N, C-alpha and C. Protein backbone atom coordinates (compact mmCIF):
# COMPACT_ATOMS: atom_id res chain seq x y z
N UNK A 1 6.59 98.23 -82.50
CA UNK A 1 6.22 97.80 -83.82
C UNK A 1 6.49 96.29 -83.93
N UNK A 2 5.45 95.56 -84.30
CA UNK A 2 5.56 94.11 -84.44
C UNK A 2 6.23 93.76 -85.76
N UNK A 3 7.17 92.85 -85.71
CA UNK A 3 7.87 92.43 -86.93
C UNK A 3 7.21 91.16 -87.47
N UNK A 4 7.00 91.16 -88.75
CA UNK A 4 6.36 90.01 -89.39
C UNK A 4 7.41 89.18 -90.12
N UNK A 5 7.29 87.87 -89.97
CA UNK A 5 8.21 86.95 -90.62
C UNK A 5 7.64 86.58 -91.99
N UNK A 6 8.50 86.62 -92.97
CA UNK A 6 8.14 86.20 -94.32
C UNK A 6 9.21 85.25 -94.83
N UNK A 7 9.12 84.93 -96.08
CA UNK A 7 10.13 84.06 -96.69
C UNK A 7 10.45 84.54 -98.09
N UNK A 8 11.67 84.25 -98.49
CA UNK A 8 12.07 84.50 -99.86
C UNK A 8 12.40 83.15 -100.48
N UNK A 9 11.86 82.93 -101.66
CA UNK A 9 12.07 81.66 -102.36
C UNK A 9 12.74 81.96 -103.70
N UNK A 10 13.81 81.25 -103.95
CA UNK A 10 14.46 81.28 -105.26
C UNK A 10 14.20 79.93 -105.91
N UNK A 11 13.89 79.94 -107.20
CA UNK A 11 13.65 78.68 -107.89
C UNK A 11 14.37 78.64 -109.23
N UNK A 12 14.72 77.42 -109.65
CA UNK A 12 15.33 77.19 -110.95
C UNK A 12 14.59 76.02 -111.57
N UNK A 13 14.04 76.22 -112.76
CA UNK A 13 13.27 75.17 -113.41
C UNK A 13 14.16 73.98 -113.74
N UNK A 14 13.57 72.80 -113.64
CA UNK A 14 14.30 71.58 -113.96
C UNK A 14 14.64 71.57 -115.44
N UNK A 15 15.81 71.06 -115.77
CA UNK A 15 16.28 71.08 -117.15
C UNK A 15 15.52 70.12 -118.05
N UNK A 16 14.92 69.10 -117.50
CA UNK A 16 14.25 68.10 -118.33
C UNK A 16 12.85 68.52 -118.78
N UNK A 17 12.39 69.70 -118.39
CA UNK A 17 11.06 70.17 -118.78
C UNK A 17 11.04 70.52 -120.27
N UNK A 18 9.97 70.14 -120.92
CA UNK A 18 9.78 70.51 -122.32
C UNK A 18 9.29 71.96 -122.40
N UNK A 19 9.37 72.58 -123.57
CA UNK A 19 8.85 73.95 -123.69
C UNK A 19 7.36 74.05 -123.34
N UNK A 20 6.60 73.02 -123.64
CA UNK A 20 5.17 73.02 -123.31
C UNK A 20 4.98 73.03 -121.78
N UNK A 21 5.78 72.24 -121.06
CA UNK A 21 5.68 72.20 -119.60
C UNK A 21 6.13 73.52 -118.97
N UNK A 22 7.16 74.14 -119.55
CA UNK A 22 7.62 75.44 -119.05
C UNK A 22 6.53 76.50 -119.20
N UNK A 23 5.88 76.50 -120.35
CA UNK A 23 4.80 77.46 -120.59
C UNK A 23 3.65 77.22 -119.61
N UNK A 24 3.31 75.96 -119.38
CA UNK A 24 2.24 75.62 -118.43
C UNK A 24 2.61 76.11 -117.03
N UNK A 25 3.86 75.90 -116.65
CA UNK A 25 4.34 76.35 -115.34
C UNK A 25 4.14 77.85 -115.17
N UNK A 26 4.61 78.63 -116.14
CA UNK A 26 4.52 80.08 -116.04
C UNK A 26 3.07 80.57 -116.08
N UNK A 27 2.23 79.93 -116.88
CA UNK A 27 0.82 80.32 -116.93
C UNK A 27 0.12 80.04 -115.60
N UNK A 28 0.38 78.88 -115.00
CA UNK A 28 -0.26 78.54 -113.73
C UNK A 28 0.29 79.39 -112.60
N UNK A 29 1.54 79.80 -112.68
CA UNK A 29 2.13 80.61 -111.63
C UNK A 29 1.68 82.08 -111.73
N UNK A 30 1.80 82.67 -112.89
CA UNK A 30 1.56 84.10 -113.04
C UNK A 30 0.21 84.48 -113.64
N UNK A 31 -0.44 83.56 -114.32
CA UNK A 31 -1.66 83.89 -115.03
C UNK A 31 -1.33 84.32 -116.45
N UNK A 32 -2.36 84.58 -117.25
CA UNK A 32 -2.13 84.97 -118.64
C UNK A 32 -3.37 85.63 -119.21
N UNK A 33 -3.20 86.31 -120.33
CA UNK A 33 -4.29 86.96 -121.04
C UNK A 33 -4.81 86.00 -122.10
N UNK A 34 -6.06 85.62 -121.98
CA UNK A 34 -6.69 84.68 -122.91
C UNK A 34 -7.55 85.48 -123.89
N UNK A 35 -7.39 85.21 -125.17
CA UNK A 35 -8.16 85.92 -126.19
C UNK A 35 -9.03 84.91 -126.92
N UNK A 36 -10.25 85.34 -127.25
CA UNK A 36 -11.14 84.45 -127.98
C UNK A 36 -11.84 85.22 -129.10
N UNK A 37 -12.45 84.50 -129.98
CA UNK A 37 -13.16 85.05 -131.13
C UNK A 37 -12.26 86.01 -131.90
N UNK A 38 -11.10 85.48 -132.29
CA UNK A 38 -10.13 86.22 -133.12
C UNK A 38 -9.67 87.52 -132.46
N UNK A 39 -9.53 87.50 -131.16
CA UNK A 39 -9.00 88.64 -130.42
C UNK A 39 -10.03 89.68 -130.02
N UNK A 40 -11.29 89.42 -130.26
CA UNK A 40 -12.32 90.39 -129.90
C UNK A 40 -12.60 90.42 -128.39
N UNK A 41 -12.43 89.31 -127.73
CA UNK A 41 -12.70 89.23 -126.30
C UNK A 41 -11.41 88.88 -125.57
N UNK A 42 -11.19 89.52 -124.43
CA UNK A 42 -9.99 89.31 -123.63
C UNK A 42 -10.40 88.91 -122.22
N UNK A 43 -9.75 87.88 -121.69
CA UNK A 43 -10.01 87.42 -120.33
C UNK A 43 -8.67 87.28 -119.62
N UNK A 44 -8.56 87.86 -118.45
CA UNK A 44 -7.35 87.71 -117.65
C UNK A 44 -7.50 86.46 -116.79
N UNK A 45 -6.78 85.41 -117.11
CA UNK A 45 -6.81 84.18 -116.32
C UNK A 45 -5.84 84.33 -115.16
N UNK A 46 -6.31 84.07 -113.96
CA UNK A 46 -5.49 84.26 -112.78
C UNK A 46 -4.61 83.05 -112.52
N UNK A 47 -3.43 83.31 -111.98
CA UNK A 47 -2.51 82.27 -111.60
C UNK A 47 -2.40 82.19 -110.09
N UNK A 48 -1.50 81.36 -109.63
CA UNK A 48 -1.29 81.17 -108.19
C UNK A 48 -0.87 82.48 -107.51
N UNK A 49 0.02 83.23 -108.13
CA UNK A 49 0.50 84.47 -107.53
C UNK A 49 -0.56 85.57 -107.52
N UNK A 50 -1.62 85.40 -108.29
CA UNK A 50 -2.72 86.38 -108.27
C UNK A 50 -3.48 86.33 -106.96
N UNK A 51 -3.44 85.17 -106.30
CA UNK A 51 -4.17 84.99 -105.04
C UNK A 51 -3.30 85.18 -103.81
N UNK A 52 -1.99 85.31 -104.01
CA UNK A 52 -1.05 85.42 -102.89
C UNK A 52 -0.40 86.80 -102.92
N UNK A 53 -0.45 87.56 -101.82
CA UNK A 53 0.29 88.82 -101.79
C UNK A 53 1.79 88.53 -101.79
N UNK A 54 2.51 89.13 -102.72
CA UNK A 54 3.92 88.80 -102.88
C UNK A 54 4.68 89.97 -103.49
N UNK A 55 5.99 89.86 -103.49
CA UNK A 55 6.89 90.76 -104.19
C UNK A 55 7.82 89.90 -105.04
N UNK A 56 8.20 90.41 -106.19
CA UNK A 56 9.14 89.69 -107.06
C UNK A 56 10.34 90.59 -107.34
N UNK A 57 11.39 90.52 -106.50
CA UNK A 57 12.54 91.39 -106.69
C UNK A 57 13.39 91.00 -107.90
N UNK A 58 13.31 89.75 -108.32
CA UNK A 58 14.05 89.27 -109.49
C UNK A 58 13.18 88.25 -110.21
N UNK A 59 13.60 87.84 -111.38
CA UNK A 59 12.77 86.97 -112.22
C UNK A 59 12.40 85.66 -111.52
N UNK A 60 13.32 85.06 -110.82
CA UNK A 60 13.04 83.75 -110.19
C UNK A 60 13.04 83.84 -108.66
N UNK A 61 12.65 84.97 -108.13
CA UNK A 61 12.59 85.15 -106.68
C UNK A 61 11.20 85.65 -106.29
N UNK A 62 10.69 85.12 -105.18
CA UNK A 62 9.38 85.51 -104.69
C UNK A 62 9.48 85.74 -103.18
N UNK A 63 9.00 86.90 -102.73
CA UNK A 63 8.93 87.20 -101.30
C UNK A 63 7.46 87.21 -100.91
N UNK A 64 7.12 86.49 -99.85
CA UNK A 64 5.73 86.46 -99.39
C UNK A 64 5.69 86.22 -97.88
N UNK A 65 4.49 86.31 -97.33
CA UNK A 65 4.31 86.05 -95.91
C UNK A 65 4.47 84.57 -95.61
N UNK A 66 4.77 84.27 -94.37
CA UNK A 66 5.04 82.90 -93.92
C UNK A 66 3.83 81.97 -94.15
N UNK A 67 2.61 82.48 -94.01
CA UNK A 67 1.44 81.61 -94.10
C UNK A 67 1.17 81.11 -95.52
N UNK A 68 1.76 81.73 -96.54
CA UNK A 68 1.53 81.29 -97.92
C UNK A 68 2.65 80.39 -98.45
N UNK A 69 3.67 80.19 -97.68
CA UNK A 69 4.85 79.46 -98.16
C UNK A 69 4.54 78.01 -98.51
N UNK A 70 3.75 77.34 -97.70
CA UNK A 70 3.48 75.92 -97.95
C UNK A 70 2.82 75.72 -99.32
N UNK A 71 1.82 76.52 -99.62
CA UNK A 71 1.12 76.43 -100.90
C UNK A 71 2.07 76.69 -102.07
N UNK A 72 2.88 77.70 -101.94
CA UNK A 72 3.81 78.07 -103.00
C UNK A 72 4.90 77.02 -103.20
N UNK A 73 5.46 76.50 -102.13
CA UNK A 73 6.53 75.50 -102.27
C UNK A 73 5.99 74.19 -102.84
N UNK A 74 4.77 73.81 -102.47
CA UNK A 74 4.20 72.58 -103.02
C UNK A 74 4.05 72.67 -104.53
N UNK A 75 3.65 73.84 -105.02
CA UNK A 75 3.53 74.02 -106.47
C UNK A 75 4.91 74.04 -107.14
N UNK A 76 5.84 74.81 -106.58
CA UNK A 76 7.15 74.96 -107.20
C UNK A 76 7.96 73.67 -107.23
N UNK A 77 7.80 72.81 -106.22
CA UNK A 77 8.58 71.56 -106.16
C UNK A 77 8.29 70.64 -107.34
N UNK A 78 7.11 70.74 -107.93
CA UNK A 78 6.78 69.88 -109.08
C UNK A 78 7.61 70.22 -110.30
N UNK A 79 7.98 71.49 -110.46
CA UNK A 79 8.65 71.94 -111.67
C UNK A 79 10.08 72.46 -111.47
N UNK A 80 10.48 72.74 -110.23
CA UNK A 80 11.73 73.45 -110.04
C UNK A 80 12.45 73.00 -108.78
N UNK A 81 13.73 73.35 -108.74
CA UNK A 81 14.53 73.21 -107.52
C UNK A 81 14.36 74.53 -106.77
N UNK A 82 14.17 74.46 -105.47
CA UNK A 82 13.92 75.70 -104.71
C UNK A 82 14.90 75.87 -103.55
N UNK A 83 15.16 77.11 -103.22
CA UNK A 83 15.90 77.51 -102.02
C UNK A 83 15.01 78.49 -101.28
N UNK A 84 14.92 78.34 -99.95
CA UNK A 84 14.00 79.16 -99.17
C UNK A 84 14.67 79.64 -97.90
N UNK A 85 14.49 80.93 -97.60
CA UNK A 85 14.99 81.50 -96.36
C UNK A 85 13.89 82.32 -95.70
N UNK A 86 13.87 82.29 -94.38
CA UNK A 86 12.96 83.16 -93.63
C UNK A 86 13.61 84.52 -93.48
N UNK A 87 12.80 85.56 -93.61
CA UNK A 87 13.29 86.93 -93.51
C UNK A 87 12.32 87.74 -92.66
N UNK A 88 12.77 88.89 -92.21
CA UNK A 88 11.89 89.82 -91.49
C UNK A 88 11.42 90.85 -92.51
N UNK A 89 10.11 90.94 -92.66
CA UNK A 89 9.54 91.88 -93.62
C UNK A 89 9.51 93.29 -93.03
N UNK A 90 9.92 94.25 -93.81
CA UNK A 90 9.85 95.64 -93.37
C UNK A 90 8.43 96.16 -93.57
N UNK A 91 8.11 97.26 -92.94
CA UNK A 91 6.78 97.86 -93.11
C UNK A 91 6.54 98.25 -94.57
N UNK A 92 7.59 98.68 -95.23
CA UNK A 92 7.49 99.05 -96.64
C UNK A 92 7.11 97.84 -97.50
N UNK A 93 7.73 96.68 -97.23
CA UNK A 93 7.40 95.46 -97.96
C UNK A 93 5.95 95.05 -97.73
N UNK A 94 5.49 95.16 -96.51
CA UNK A 94 4.11 94.78 -96.19
C UNK A 94 3.13 95.69 -96.90
N UNK A 95 3.43 97.00 -96.95
CA UNK A 95 2.54 97.94 -97.64
C UNK A 95 2.51 97.65 -99.13
N UNK A 96 3.65 97.32 -99.73
CA UNK A 96 3.69 97.01 -101.17
C UNK A 96 2.86 95.76 -101.48
N UNK A 97 2.95 94.75 -100.60
CA UNK A 97 2.17 93.53 -100.80
C UNK A 97 0.67 93.81 -100.67
N UNK A 98 0.29 94.64 -99.71
CA UNK A 98 -1.12 94.95 -99.52
C UNK A 98 -1.67 95.75 -100.68
N UNK A 99 -0.88 96.66 -101.24
CA UNK A 99 -1.37 97.47 -102.36
C UNK A 99 -1.52 96.63 -103.62
N UNK A 100 -0.67 95.61 -103.81
CA UNK A 100 -0.79 94.71 -104.95
C UNK A 100 -1.98 93.79 -104.79
N UNK A 101 -2.33 93.48 -103.55
CA UNK A 101 -3.42 92.55 -103.26
C UNK A 101 -4.78 93.15 -103.64
N UNK A 102 -4.91 94.46 -103.60
CA UNK A 102 -6.21 95.11 -103.87
C UNK A 102 -6.51 95.24 -105.31
């Protein structure tokens, strides 16, 4: 059985961010539900994590495959302090990421 290398990233938002910047960060990272015409129409706007297979074991932690780390860290560095470790992904983790991706 081949073992796949992934990474876990922990982030903490910078304290100098305004509430508007924090909201923008979370919307761009996770996506959001956009409503128009007084709530009659709903659109799911996708965020960065919508395009990346990942797991979120805690609020500020993200586990993903090694090939997506560069994209994710470049985005997070603009708004947050990050810590990153390489880990070995279990088959269970890989299956969970694939099922979320579909």
